[in-house]
């Protein structure tokens, strides 16, 4: 499926698809942790407040409830993001980028991007939560676009966009082999 936007940006170089199944399962896991810790934390807070149970450490109720509420927040946020980014893919072309999401597409030329900011932490928990790569593209028109580690090869996508915008090195398609080459 080639649109007018794709044609204006040149040959398709690479496609990066968002792994929404992973995003959903991470959100669901966080939600389950949140529900369990909140369900345990509320009675513990009540017991500590009544003075009926003061045998444990005084910070225990806050820790339990804090983990529970954080899990609920991260879980709901992850599930909402998974629903909003159904079918999301980033298509890298010679002269720009196309983001397809939920049947809509956004076409951005490299020259339309004002800056590329990549943050993220390369650690086990960050990778699990899709936070190993956090890339924000600020557009000259005032808008912005983001993608995270849930996008396949997100680091490669961020590096490609940064090279194209900051250094003017536009991506090139891989050379085509003839059908006679092995």
Protein backbone atom coordinates (compact mmCIF):
# COMPACT_ATOMS: atom_id res chain seq x y z
CA UNK A 1 0.00 0.00 0.00
CA UNK A 2 1.70 3.18 -1.20
CA UNK A 3 0.15 6.56 -0.50
CA UNK A 4 0.88 9.97 -2.03
CA UNK A 5 2.92 10.80 1.08
CA UNK A 6 5.04 7.69 0.61
CA UNK A 7 5.67 8.56 -3.03
CA UNK A 8 6.82 12.10 -2.16
CA UNK A 9 9.33 10.75 0.35
CA UNK A 10 11.07 8.39 -2.06
CA UNK A 11 11.79 4.70 -1.78
CA UNK A 12 10.86 2.82 1.37
CA UNK A 13 14.05 1.95 3.23
CA UNK A 14 12.81 0.21 6.37
CA UNK A 15 9.68 -0.46 8.41
CA UNK A 16 9.50 -0.43 12.21
CA UNK A 17 6.32 -1.90 13.74
CA UNK A 18 5.10 -1.24 17.28
CA UNK A 19 4.86 -4.42 19.35
CA UNK A 20 1.46 -3.80 20.92
CA UNK A 21 1.11 -7.37 22.17
CA UNK A 22 4.15 -6.77 24.38
CA UNK A 23 2.81 -3.36 25.44
CA UNK A 24 -0.54 -4.92 26.37
CA UNK A 25 1.02 -7.75 28.37
CA UNK A 26 3.30 -5.31 30.22
CA UNK A 27 0.31 -3.09 31.02
CA UNK A 28 -1.74 -6.05 32.17
CA UNK A 29 1.12 -7.31 34.37
CA UNK A 30 1.50 -3.89 35.99
CA UNK A 31 -2.27 -3.70 36.50
CA UNK A 32 -2.35 -7.10 38.22
CA UNK A 33 0.55 -6.10 40.50
CA UNK A 34 -1.26 -2.85 41.24
CA UNK A 35 -4.52 -4.55 42.14
CA UNK A 36 -2.81 -7.11 44.39
CA UNK A 37 -0.63 -4.62 46.26
CA UNK A 38 -3.53 -2.16 46.64
CA UNK A 39 -5.79 -4.94 47.93
CA UNK A 40 -3.14 -5.90 50.50
CA UNK A 41 -2.10 -2.30 51.26
CA UNK A 42 -5.53 -0.87 52.09
CA UNK A 43 -6.26 -3.25 55.01
CA UNK A 44 -2.71 -2.78 56.30
CA UNK A 45 -3.13 1.02 56.21
CA UNK A 46 -6.44 0.69 58.06
CA UNK A 47 -4.91 -1.63 60.67
CA UNK A 48 -2.00 0.76 61.25
CA UNK A 49 -4.36 3.78 61.42
CA UNK A 50 -6.59 2.05 64.01
CA UNK A 51 -3.57 1.09 66.06
CA UNK A 52 -4.64 -2.56 66.01
CA UNK A 53 -1.42 -3.59 64.29
CA UNK A 54 1.76 -1.71 64.92
CA UNK A 55 4.10 -4.70 65.10
CA UNK A 56 5.63 -4.25 61.63
CA UNK A 57 7.84 -1.50 60.28
CA UNK A 58 6.05 1.88 60.20
CA UNK A 59 6.73 2.40 56.48
CA UNK A 60 5.11 -0.90 55.40
CA UNK A 61 1.62 0.48 54.69
CA UNK A 62 2.99 3.29 52.55
CA UNK A 63 5.25 0.95 50.58
CA UNK A 64 2.45 -1.52 49.89
CA UNK A 65 -0.01 1.17 48.89
CA UNK A 66 2.62 3.06 46.87
CA UNK A 67 3.56 -0.01 44.83
CA UNK A 68 -0.12 -0.77 44.33
CA UNK A 69 -1.05 2.71 43.11
CA UNK A 70 2.04 2.91 40.87
CA UNK A 71 1.15 -0.47 39.35
CA UNK A 72 -2.43 0.67 38.74
CA UNK A 73 -1.22 3.87 37.08
CA UNK A 74 1.40 2.20 34.87
CA UNK A 75 -1.03 -0.59 33.99
CA UNK A 76 -3.86 1.68 32.90
CA UNK A 77 -1.46 3.94 31.01
CA UNK A 78 0.10 0.97 29.20
CA UNK A 79 -3.27 -0.47 28.20
CA UNK A 80 -4.52 2.92 26.97
CA UNK A 81 -1.36 3.42 24.91
CA UNK A 82 -1.71 -0.07 23.45
CA UNK A 83 -5.29 0.70 22.41
CA UNK A 84 -4.31 4.08 20.91
CA UNK A 85 -1.40 2.70 18.90
CA UNK A 86 -3.12 -0.24 17.23
CA UNK A 87 -1.49 -1.02 13.91
CA UNK A 88 1.26 1.54 14.46
CA UNK A 89 4.26 1.41 12.16
CA UNK A 90 7.04 3.83 11.27
CA UNK A 91 8.09 3.70 7.62
CA UNK A 92 11.51 5.19 6.91
CA UNK A 93 11.91 6.60 3.41
CA UNK A 94 14.79 8.35 1.70
CA UNK A 95 13.41 11.83 2.37
CA UNK A 96 11.25 11.35 5.45
CA UNK A 97 9.14 9.28 7.77
CA UNK A 98 5.56 8.03 7.71
CA UNK A 99 3.75 6.99 10.89
CA UNK A 100 0.71 4.80 10.38
CA UNK A 101 -1.60 4.31 13.32
CA UNK A 102 -5.23 3.25 13.58
CA UNK A 103 -5.82 3.67 9.85
CA UNK A 104 -4.34 7.18 9.73
CA UNK A 105 -0.95 8.31 8.55
CA UNK A 106 1.32 11.23 9.30
CA UNK A 107 3.92 12.14 6.69
CA UNK A 108 6.99 14.03 7.87
CA UNK A 109 9.90 15.16 5.72
CA UNK A 110 13.33 15.22 7.35
CA UNK A 111 13.35 18.99 6.79
CA UNK A 112 10.11 19.33 8.83
CA UNK A 113 11.79 18.03 12.01
CA UNK A 114 13.33 20.75 14.22
CA UNK A 115 15.04 18.46 16.74
CA UNK A 116 15.46 14.87 17.83
CA UNK A 117 15.77 14.08 21.54
CA UNK A 118 16.52 10.55 22.64
CA UNK A 119 16.34 9.54 26.27
CA UNK A 120 15.99 6.18 27.88
CA UNK A 121 17.93 3.84 30.09
CA UNK A 122 19.35 0.58 28.85
CA UNK A 123 18.57 -1.67 31.79
CA UNK A 124 16.47 -4.79 32.25
CA UNK A 125 13.46 -3.07 33.86
CA UNK A 126 13.61 -0.22 31.32
CA UNK A 127 13.64 -2.67 28.40
CA UNK A 128 10.71 -4.58 29.92
CA UNK A 129 8.69 -1.36 30.25
CA UNK A 130 9.68 -0.12 26.77
CA UNK A 131 11.68 2.75 28.28
CA UNK A 132 15.08 1.72 26.96
CA UNK A 133 14.43 4.05 24.01
CA UNK A 134 12.35 7.20 24.30
CA UNK A 135 12.61 9.38 21.21
CA UNK A 136 10.81 12.68 20.69
CA UNK A 137 10.71 14.45 17.35
CA UNK A 138 9.88 18.15 17.64
CA UNK A 139 8.40 19.47 14.42
CA UNK A 140 8.99 22.93 13.00
CA UNK A 141 5.21 23.33 12.83
CA UNK A 142 5.10 23.15 16.63
CA UNK A 143 3.87 19.58 17.08
CA UNK A 144 5.79 16.54 18.16
CA UNK A 145 5.89 12.80 17.69
CA UNK A 146 7.24 10.14 20.04
CA UNK A 147 8.17 6.50 19.92
CA UNK A 148 9.49 4.11 22.52
CA UNK A 149 11.30 0.83 22.92
CA UNK A 150 8.08 -1.00 22.01
CA UNK A 151 8.87 -0.18 18.37
CA UNK A 152 10.97 -2.89 16.69
CA UNK A 153 14.59 -1.76 16.39
CA UNK A 154 13.69 1.55 18.07
CA UNK A 155 17.35 2.40 18.67
CA UNK A 156 18.09 2.00 14.97
CA UNK A 157 15.07 4.15 14.09
CA UNK A 158 16.16 6.89 16.51
CA UNK A 159 19.72 6.84 15.13
CA UNK A 160 18.45 6.96 11.53
CA UNK A 161 16.20 9.95 12.24
CA UNK A 162 18.96 11.76 14.16
CA UNK A 163 21.48 11.25 11.32
CA UNK A 164 18.96 12.45 8.73
CA UNK A 165 17.92 15.54 10.71
CA UNK A 166 21.16 16.57 12.41
CA UNK A 167 23.81 15.42 9.92
CA UNK A 168 21.84 15.45 6.68
CA UNK A 169 22.66 11.77 6.04
CA UNK A 170 19.46 10.47 4.53
CA UNK A 171 18.89 6.71 4.63
CA UNK A 172 19.42 4.80 1.44
CA UNK A 173 17.70 1.62 0.39
CA UNK A 174 19.74 -1.57 0.38
CA UNK A 175 21.14 -2.38 -3.05
CA UNK A 176 18.92 -4.74 -4.97
CA UNK A 177 20.41 -8.04 -6.09
CA UNK A 178 19.59 -9.23 -9.52
CA UNK A 179 17.73 -12.49 -9.69
CA UNK A 180 20.90 -14.12 -11.04
CA UNK A 181 23.02 -13.23 -7.99
CA UNK A 182 23.34 -15.68 -5.14
